[in-house]
Amino acid sequence: MMKVISTTSQEWQRLCGRQLVRKRRIEDSVRKIVDDVYQGGDEALLRYTRRFDRAQLAPRQLRVTEAEISGAFQHLDPKFALQLKSAIQNVQSFYSRPRLKPVRSVDGDGVVLGEKFDPIERVGIYIPGGTASLVSTVYMTVIPAKKAGVRRIILATPPRKDGSVDPHILAVASLLDVDEVYKMGGAQAIAAMAFGTRTVPKVDKIVGPGNAYVAEAKRQVYGFVDVDTPAGPSEIAVIANRYSNAQYVLADLLGETEHAGGIAFLITTSKALARLARKQIPGGHCLVVKNLDEAVDAANRLAPEHLEIMVRSPQKLAKRITSAGAIFLGQYSPVTVGDYVAGPSHVLPTGGAARTFSGLGIDDFIRRTHVISYTKKALERMREPLERIAAIEGLPRHYEAVKVRLTG
């Protein structure tokens, strides 16, 4: 049953302050796995694969063969293949905007300042396994990386008990020309990509969703590699009022309950809608507000992963939303379209992280490098401030590096 709360309740304060909960038990378990894979490489990786995935693999079997990848696509239902291609085309189209261009400025003394942009060389992408076949996560992560110019993409996904990989995931990999797929999952897969093993290449960045163990592993290897936004249970918040279609609102809130640990929020000015949600939605929270201004403030405090605005003129409210992973406008924009076919990646910040993090995009795979070029005349002009700042900071040799160029 959905719980109805107010903005003055302690429950609301707790929800606004929610964050990804780190449990000591998970933290300790993951630390051991990460350390074991760091020390033991393939041997430790395969040991954990036997333990958690019940798959008996040899090192040479970790990498999926090209024949397996191409074969998976050939056996794909032709109608589903066309539907996949349509979704993939939408995502590719969205990320086909021009890449960042180098920035360059020149002043009167010949000083050249700028920035250059280069793609990350090697990216590891984690695709969860389990009971669901998360084909959409493959193209929602691979396409932004490819559009950024990443040269080498390593896909990791857990093997099934017989040592095979979900053929739907392989089929999408084939469609996207990804030929490096490894049969590994969980924290051990994250560690293998972060440190490298004899079989698994070391990457520079790891992206993709996962369970609490995967999220904790990414946190622990951060610094050895870069990682994407923190990811926890899926979330939806819906802003609705008496003009909203109650059937649509309830359907979208119910859809969130299909995710393990999924979190549903309803922010509404309608007490009648609140009563309906309370009766029909198993779990979640409903916040009854006085007006849509309060609804906007509440949504920004909540910073949900997905925010649906199902009121008249939703664009007006959307302009005032500053903290949400993705915003869905109007009666015919359910989260489902963003999950599968719209275009922007569905890898989004959760747990209130939308206040500071953004959804996965091309920029996540780009490195920015500053470029500085001075002339002797420009260096002479800045001589006194350089000398003074170096002296205040107690770093005299910093200024000597300037002085030798001007007095030699």
Protein backbone atom coordinates (compact mmCIF):
# COMPACT_ATOMS: atom_id res chain seq x y z
CA MET A 1 0.00 0.00 0.00
CA MET A 2 1.39 3.41 -0.99
CA LYS A 3 2.05 5.59 2.04
CA VAL A 4 0.64 9.15 2.01
CA ILE A 5 2.97 11.69 3.63
CA SER A 6 3.39 15.48 3.94
CA THR A 7 6.37 17.79 3.44
CA THR A 8 6.54 18.33 7.20
CA SER A 9 6.83 14.64 8.05
CA GLN A 10 10.07 12.99 9.14
CA GLU A 11 9.49 10.38 6.46
CA TRP A 12 9.70 13.06 3.76
CA GLN A 13 12.90 14.47 5.24
CA ARG A 14 14.37 10.97 5.24
CA LEU A 15 13.41 10.40 1.61
CA CYS A 16 14.96 13.70 0.50
CA GLY A 17 18.15 12.80 2.32
CA ARG A 18 18.25 9.27 0.97
CA GLN A 19 21.43 8.03 -0.58
CA LEU A 20 22.87 4.76 -1.71
CA VAL A 21 23.08 2.68 1.45
CA ARG A 22 26.40 0.93 1.95
CA LYS A 23 26.13 -2.14 4.13
CA ARG A 24 29.26 -3.21 6.00
CA ARG A 25 28.66 -6.85 5.07
CA ILE A 26 28.58 -6.02 1.35
CA GLU A 27 31.51 -3.64 1.65
CA ASP A 28 33.68 -6.28 3.34
CA SER A 29 32.66 -9.05 0.94
CA VAL A 30 33.41 -6.90 -2.09
CA ARG A 31 36.76 -5.79 -0.69
CA LYS A 32 37.84 -9.43 -0.41
CA ILE A 33 36.68 -10.19 -3.95
CA VAL A 34 38.44 -7.14 -5.37
CA ASP A 35 41.66 -7.94 -3.50
CA ASP A 36 41.54 -11.58 -4.58
CA VAL A 37 41.12 -10.71 -8.26
CA TYR A 38 43.85 -8.06 -7.99
CA GLN A 39 46.23 -10.65 -6.54
CA GLY A 40 45.03 -13.80 -8.28
CA GLY A 41 43.90 -12.63 -11.72
CA ASP A 42 42.19 -15.26 -13.87
CA GLU A 43 42.37 -17.93 -11.18
CA ALA A 44 40.44 -15.81 -8.67
CA LEU A 45 38.02 -14.59 -11.33
CA LEU A 46 37.17 -18.15 -12.38
CA ARG A 47 36.89 -19.29 -8.77
CA TYR A 48 34.25 -16.64 -8.07
CA THR A 49 32.53 -17.45 -11.36
CA ARG A 50 32.16 -21.06 -10.20
CA ARG A 51 30.94 -19.92 -6.80
CA PHE A 52 28.40 -17.27 -7.81
CA ASP A 53 27.38 -18.20 -11.37
CA ARG A 54 27.80 -21.98 -11.04
CA ALA A 55 29.68 -21.95 -14.35
CA GLN A 56 32.79 -24.08 -14.90
CA LEU A 57 35.06 -22.13 -17.24
CA ALA A 58 38.71 -22.31 -18.26
CA PRO A 59 40.66 -19.09 -18.95
CA ARG A 60 40.39 -19.60 -22.72
CA GLN A 61 36.59 -19.76 -22.36
CA LEU A 62 36.22 -16.38 -20.66
CA ARG A 63 36.05 -14.48 -23.92
CA VAL A 64 33.02 -15.13 -26.10
CA THR A 65 34.11 -16.18 -29.59
CA GLU A 66 33.25 -14.11 -32.65
CA ALA A 67 31.35 -17.12 -33.98
CA GLU A 68 29.14 -17.12 -30.87
CA ILE A 69 28.45 -13.41 -31.26
CA SER A 70 27.60 -13.52 -34.96
CA GLY A 71 25.66 -16.76 -34.50
CA ALA A 72 23.47 -15.18 -31.83
CA PHE A 73 22.34 -12.51 -34.27
CA GLN A 74 21.70 -15.02 -37.03
CA HIS A 75 19.35 -16.96 -34.75
CA LEU A 76 17.50 -13.84 -33.62
CA ASP A 77 13.83 -13.62 -34.52
CA PRO A 78 13.76 -11.46 -37.70
CA LYS A 79 10.88 -9.31 -36.50
CA PHE A 80 12.60 -8.64 -33.17
CA ALA A 81 15.82 -7.85 -35.04
CA LEU A 82 14.01 -5.10 -36.97
CA GLN A 83 12.53 -3.74 -33.75
CA LEU A 84 15.96 -3.69 -32.13
CA LYS A 85 17.44 -1.89 -35.12
CA SER A 86 14.72 0.75 -34.88
CA ALA A 87 15.49 1.38 -31.20
CA ILE A 88 19.23 1.42 -31.87
CA GLN A 89 18.76 3.90 -34.72
CA ASN A 90 16.91 6.28 -32.36
CA VAL A 91 19.76 6.18 -29.84
CA GLN A 92 22.39 6.62 -32.56
CA SER A 93 20.48 9.56 -33.97
CA PHE A 94 20.25 11.26 -30.57
CA TYR A 95 24.01 10.93 -30.02
CA SER A 96 24.97 12.03 -33.54
CA ARG A 97 25.43 15.66 -32.55
CA PRO A 98 28.85 17.15 -33.37
CA ARG A 99 31.64 16.27 -30.97
CA LEU A 100 33.26 18.88 -28.79
CA LYS A 101 35.62 21.05 -30.82
CA PRO A 102 39.01 22.26 -29.59
CA VAL A 103 38.96 25.70 -27.95
CA ARG A 104 41.71 28.19 -28.82
CA SER A 105 42.33 31.84 -27.95
CA VAL A 106 45.28 34.11 -28.76
CA ASP A 107 46.08 37.47 -27.12
CA GLY A 108 48.26 40.37 -28.24
CA ASP A 109 51.45 38.92 -26.74
CA GLY A 110 51.04 35.66 -28.60
CA VAL A 111 49.69 33.64 -25.67
CA VAL A 112 47.74 30.65 -26.90
CA LEU A 113 45.28 29.04 -24.49
CA GLY A 114 42.91 26.24 -25.27
CA GLU A 115 41.38 22.87 -24.61
CA LYS A 116 41.53 19.69 -26.65
CA PHE A 117 39.17 16.75 -26.39
CA ASP A 118 40.06 13.09 -26.84
CA PRO A 119 38.07 9.90 -26.30
CA ILE A 120 38.96 7.51 -23.50
CA GLU A 121 40.95 4.64 -25.00
CA ARG A 122 39.41 1.56 -23.34
CA VAL A 123 36.00 1.31 -21.71
CA GLY A 124 34.50 -1.61 -19.82
CA ILE A 125 30.71 -1.93 -19.93
CA TYR A 126 28.89 -4.09 -17.41
CA ILE A 127 25.60 -5.71 -18.45
CA PRO A 128 23.75 -7.43 -15.58
CA GLY A 129 22.54 -11.01 -15.92
CA GLY A 130 19.96 -12.79 -13.82
CA THR A 131 16.42 -13.60 -14.87
CA ALA A 132 15.98 -10.60 -17.21
CA SER A 133 17.65 -10.13 -20.58
CA LEU A 134 18.70 -6.48 -20.44
CA VAL A 135 19.28 -5.97 -24.15
CA SER A 136 18.46 -2.26 -23.94
CA THR A 137 21.33 -1.64 -21.54
CA VAL A 138 23.76 -2.86 -24.20
CA TYR A 139 22.85 -0.23 -26.76
CA MET A 140 22.16 2.46 -24.15
CA THR A 141 25.79 2.21 -22.97
CA VAL A 142 27.71 1.14 -26.07
CA ILE A 143 26.33 3.78 -28.46
CA PRO A 144 27.40 6.89 -26.46
CA ALA A 145 30.87 5.34 -26.07
CA LYS A 146 31.17 4.64 -29.79
CA LYS A 147 29.87 8.08 -30.74
CA ALA A 148 32.53 9.58 -28.46
CA GLY A 149 35.19 7.71 -30.42
CA VAL A 150 36.17 5.07 -27.85
CA ARG A 151 38.42 2.65 -29.73
CA ARG A 152 38.12 -0.42 -27.54
CA ILE A 153 34.96 -1.54 -25.76
CA ILE A 154 34.96 -4.54 -23.44
CA LEU A 155 31.56 -5.96 -22.55
CA ALA A 156 31.18 -8.03 -19.36
CA THR A 157 28.08 -10.07 -18.57
CA PRO A 158 27.56 -13.07 -16.27
CA PRO A 159 27.56 -16.57 -17.79
CA ARG A 160 24.70 -19.00 -17.33
CA LYS A 161 25.27 -22.32 -15.57
CA ASP A 162 26.16 -24.04 -18.85
CA GLY A 163 28.83 -21.42 -19.54
CA SER A 164 26.88 -19.65 -22.27
CA VAL A 165 25.85 -15.99 -22.42
CA ASP A 166 22.35 -14.68 -23.04
CA PRO A 167 22.05 -14.80 -26.86
CA HIS A 168 19.96 -11.61 -26.97
CA ILE A 169 22.82 -9.67 -25.37
CA LEU A 170 25.26 -11.17 -27.87
CA ALA A 171 22.93 -10.34 -30.75
CA VAL A 172 22.87 -6.66 -29.78
CA ALA A 173 26.66 -6.72 -29.37
CA SER A 174 26.85 -8.06 -32.92
CA LEU A 175 24.55 -5.29 -34.21
CA LEU A 176 26.83 -2.71 -32.60
CA ASP A 177 30.09 -4.30 -33.82
CA VAL A 178 31.28 -5.12 -30.30
CA ASP A 179 33.50 -8.19 -30.55
CA GLU A 180 35.03 -8.29 -27.05
CA VAL A 181 32.53 -9.89 -24.71
CA TYR A 182 33.62 -11.66 -21.52
CA LYS A 183 31.72 -14.22 -19.46
CA MET A 184 32.04 -12.68 -16.03
CA GLY A 185 29.75 -10.95 -13.60
CA GLY A 186 29.47 -9.32 -10.20
CA ALA A 187 32.21 -7.58 -8.24
CA GLN A 188 34.79 -9.97 -9.72
CA ALA A 189 34.06 -8.68 -13.23
CA ILE A 190 34.49 -5.07 -12.11
CA ALA A 191 37.82 -5.92 -10.46
CA ALA A 192 39.03 -7.84 -13.51
CA MET A 193 38.35 -4.87 -15.80
CA ALA A 194 39.83 -2.39 -13.32
CA PHE A 195 43.14 -4.21 -12.82
CA GLY A 196 43.33 -6.51 -15.83
CA THR A 197 44.19 -10.20 -15.80
CA ARG A 198 46.10 -12.42 -18.21
CA THR A 199 42.86 -12.85 -20.18
CA VAL A 200 40.82 -9.72 -19.41
CA PRO A 201 42.26 -6.38 -20.56
CA LYS A 202 42.57 -3.47 -18.15
CA VAL A 203 40.23 -0.61 -19.01
CA ASP A 204 40.30 3.11 -18.27
CA LYS A 205 36.65 3.51 -17.31
CA ILE A 206 33.80 1.23 -16.24
CA VAL A 207 30.13 2.03 -16.84
CA GLY A 208 26.84 0.19 -16.57
CA PRO A 209 24.30 -0.72 -13.89
CA GLY A 210 24.40 -3.63 -11.47
CA ASN A 211 23.36 -4.86 -8.04
CA ALA A 212 24.67 -3.61 -4.70
CA TYR A 213 27.85 -5.70 -5.05
CA VAL A 214 28.62 -4.27 -8.48
CA ALA A 215 27.97 -0.72 -7.26
CA GLU A 216 30.24 -1.25 -4.25
CA ALA A 217 32.97 -2.76 -6.44
CA LYS A 218 32.86 0.27 -8.72
CA ARG A 219 33.20 2.51 -5.69
CA GLN A 220 36.23 0.57 -4.45
CA VAL A 221 38.09 0.55 -7.79
CA TYR A 222 37.42 4.24 -8.45
CA GLY A 223 40.80 5.92 -8.68
CA PHE A 224 42.38 2.94 -10.41
CA VAL A 225 39.82 3.57 -13.14
CA ASP A 226 37.06 6.09 -13.68
CA VAL A 227 33.45 4.98 -13.15
CA ASP A 228 30.06 6.35 -14.09
CA THR A 229 27.24 7.70 -11.93
CA PRO A 230 26.33 5.86 -8.71
CA ALA A 231 23.47 3.46 -9.39
CA GLY A 232 20.97 2.00 -6.97
CA PRO A 233 17.37 0.80 -7.17
CA SER A 234 15.32 2.24 -10.04
CA GLU A 235 13.08 5.22 -9.18
CA ILE A 236 10.10 7.06 -10.60
CA ALA A 237 8.38 10.22 -9.41
CA VAL A 238 5.18 11.49 -11.02
CA ILE A 239 3.83 15.03 -10.73
CA ALA A 240 0.08 14.86 -11.32
CA ASN A 241 -3.11 16.78 -10.58
CA ARG A 242 -6.84 16.45 -11.18
CA TYR A 243 -6.33 16.91 -14.93
CA SER A 244 -3.98 13.92 -15.15
CA ASN A 245 -5.17 10.58 -16.47
CA ALA A 246 -5.28 8.50 -13.29
CA GLN A 247 -5.04 5.25 -15.23
CA TYR A 248 -1.77 6.36 -16.84
CA VAL A 249 -0.34 7.55 -13.53
CA LEU A 250 -1.13 4.29 -11.75
CA ALA A 251 0.22 2.19 -14.64
CA ASP A 252 3.55 4.02 -14.55
CA LEU A 253 3.86 3.73 -10.78
CA LEU A 254 3.05 0.02 -10.97
CA GLY A 255 5.64 -0.45 -13.71
CA GLU A 256 8.34 0.63 -11.29
CA THR A 257 7.43 -2.20 -8.93
CA GLU A 258 8.68 -4.70 -11.54
CA HIS A 259 12.25 -3.66 -10.70
CA ALA A 260 13.88 -5.31 -7.70
CA GLY A 261 13.74 -2.68 -4.97
CA GLY A 262 12.10 -0.18 -7.34
CA ILE A 263 10.95 3.04 -5.66
CA ALA A 264 7.77 4.91 -6.66
CA PHE A 265 6.80 8.47 -5.67
CA LEU A 266 3.60 10.34 -6.48
CA ILE A 267 3.54 14.12 -6.00
CA THR A 268 0.01 15.41 -6.45
CA THR A 269 -2.43 18.20 -5.66
CA SER A 270 -5.32 15.73 -5.99
CA LYS A 271 -6.52 13.99 -2.85
CA ALA A 272 -8.69 11.70 -4.97
CA LEU A 273 -5.66 10.53 -6.95
CA ALA A 274 -3.75 10.06 -3.70
CA ARG A 275 -6.52 7.81 -2.39
CA LEU A 276 -6.47 5.73 -5.58
CA ALA A 277 -2.70 5.32 -5.43
CA ARG A 278 -2.85 4.39 -1.76
CA LYS A 279 -5.23 1.53 -2.56
CA GLN A 280 -3.67 0.24 -5.78
CA ILE A 281 0.10 0.74 -5.55
CA PRO A 282 1.99 -1.81 -3.40
CA GLY A 283 4.57 0.34 -1.67
CA GLY A 284 6.04 3.73 -2.43
CA HIS A 285 5.12 7.17 -1.16
CA CYS A 286 2.53 9.78 -2.08
CA LEU A 287 3.12 13.44 -1.25
CA VAL A 288 0.03 15.65 -1.29
CA VAL A 289 0.93 19.29 -2.01
CA LYS A 290 -1.12 22.50 -2.15
CA ASN A 291 -0.14 23.57 -5.66
CA LEU A 292 2.22 22.85 -8.55
CA ASP A 293 4.82 25.28 -7.19
CA GLU A 294 5.14 23.02 -4.16
CA ALA A 295 5.26 20.02 -6.48
CA VAL A 296 8.26 21.48 -8.33
CA ASP A 297 10.06 22.24 -5.07
CA ALA A 298 9.36 18.71 -3.85
CA ALA A 299 10.65 17.14 -7.07
CA ASN A 300 13.87 19.15 -6.90
CA ARG A 301 14.42 18.10 -3.30
CA LEU A 302 13.72 14.47 -4.15
CA ALA A 303 16.02 14.47 -7.24
CA PRO A 304 14.53 11.27 -8.72
CA GLU A 305 16.00 9.12 -11.45
CA HIS A 306 12.87 9.43 -13.62
CA LEU A 307 10.41 12.32 -13.29
CA GLU A 308 7.11 12.31 -15.16
CA ILE A 309 5.16 15.57 -15.38
CA MET A 310 1.57 14.69 -16.26
CA VAL A 311 -0.18 18.06 -16.02
CA ARG A 312 -1.33 20.66 -18.52
CA SER A 313 1.58 22.63 -20.05
CA PRO A 314 4.24 20.32 -18.57
CA GLN A 315 7.02 22.26 -20.35
CA LYS A 316 6.49 25.22 -18.01
CA LEU A 317 7.14 23.05 -14.98
CA ALA A 318 10.05 21.26 -16.65
CA LYS A 319 11.95 24.55 -17.00
CA ARG A 320 11.99 24.80 -13.22
CA ILE A 321 13.19 21.25 -12.58
CA THR A 322 16.89 21.29 -11.75
CA SER A 323 17.41 17.87 -10.19
CA ALA A 324 16.23 14.80 -12.10
CA GLY A 325 17.96 12.12 -14.12
CA ALA A 326 15.43 12.38 -16.96
CA ILE A 327 12.15 14.27 -17.37
CA PHE A 328 9.15 12.84 -19.22
CA LEU A 329 6.57 15.37 -20.38
CA GLY A 330 2.86 14.88 -20.92
CA GLN A 331 0.40 12.01 -20.94
CA TYR A 332 2.09 9.99 -23.68
CA SER A 333 5.69 9.90 -22.45
CA PRO A 334 5.93 6.99 -20.01
CA VAL A 335 9.31 6.04 -18.59
CA THR A 336 9.11 2.93 -20.76
CA VAL A 337 9.91 4.90 -23.92
CA GLY A 338 13.02 6.30 -22.26
CA ASP A 339 14.01 2.85 -21.09
CA TYR A 340 13.91 1.34 -24.56
CA VAL A 341 13.47 3.51 -27.65
CA ALA A 342 13.48 7.31 -27.19
CA GLY A 343 17.21 7.98 -27.64
CA PRO A 344 18.88 9.37 -24.50
CA SER A 345 20.66 6.70 -22.44
CA HIS A 346 18.62 5.12 -19.68
CA VAL A 347 21.69 4.91 -17.41
CA LEU A 348 20.74 7.62 -14.91
CA PRO A 349 21.65 8.75 -11.38
CA THR A 350 19.53 7.35 -8.54
CA GLY A 351 19.25 7.83 -4.79
CA GLY A 352 19.21 11.62 -5.00
CA ALA A 353 22.46 11.65 -7.00
CA ALA A 354 20.71 13.65 -9.74
CA ARG A 355 21.54 16.76 -7.70
CA THR A 356 25.17 16.43 -8.81
CA PHE A 357 25.34 13.67 -11.46
CA SER A 358 23.93 13.42 -14.98
CA GLY A 359 22.72 10.62 -17.19
CA LEU A 360 25.27 8.73 -19.28
CA GLY A 361 26.28 10.58 -22.44
CA ILE A 362 29.08 11.24 -24.89
CA ASP A 363 30.88 13.58 -22.48
CA ASP A 364 31.38 10.68 -20.05
CA PHE A 365 33.78 9.12 -22.54
CA ILE A 366 35.74 12.27 -23.37
CA ARG A 367 38.92 13.60 -21.74
CA ARG A 368 39.56 17.34 -21.69
CA THR A 369 43.18 18.52 -21.87
CA HIS A 370 44.26 22.13 -21.31
CA VAL A 371 46.78 23.59 -23.76
CA ILE A 372 49.01 26.56 -22.83
CA SER A 373 51.61 28.31 -25.00
CA TYR A 374 53.46 31.47 -23.84
CA THR A 375 55.90 33.74 -25.66
CA LYS A 376 58.92 35.37 -24.02
CA LYS A 377 57.16 38.73 -24.15
CA ALA A 378 54.11 37.33 -22.35
CA LEU A 379 56.29 35.62 -19.75
CA GLU A 380 58.12 38.90 -19.08
CA ARG A 381 54.79 40.68 -18.60
CA MET A 382 53.78 38.18 -15.89
CA ARG A 383 57.21 38.07 -14.22
CA GLU A 384 56.36 40.04 -11.06
CA PRO A 385 53.12 38.21 -10.16
CA LEU A 386 54.85 34.89 -10.83
CA GLU A 387 57.71 35.82 -8.50
CA ARG A 388 55.38 37.06 -5.78
CA ILE A 389 52.99 34.08 -5.84
CA ALA A 390 55.88 31.59 -5.82
CA ALA A 391 57.41 33.39 -2.82
CA ILE A 392 54.14 33.41 -0.86
CA GLU A 393 53.67 29.70 -1.51
CA GLY A 394 57.24 28.99 -0.44
CA LEU A 395 58.24 27.48 -3.79
CA PRO A 396 61.25 29.54 -4.97
CA ARG A 397 62.31 27.07 -7.65
CA HIS A 398 58.98 27.62 -9.37
CA TYR A 399 60.07 31.21 -10.02
CA GLU A 400 63.60 30.11 -10.96
CA ALA A 401 62.05 28.20 -13.88
CA VAL A 402 60.71 31.58 -15.08
CA LYS A 403 63.82 33.62 -14.27
CA VAL A 404 66.20 31.36 -16.19
CA ARG A 405 64.17 31.94 -19.34
CA LEU A 406 64.23 35.73 -18.98
CA THR A 407 67.84 36.31 -17.91
CA GLY A 408 69.63 33.66 -19.93
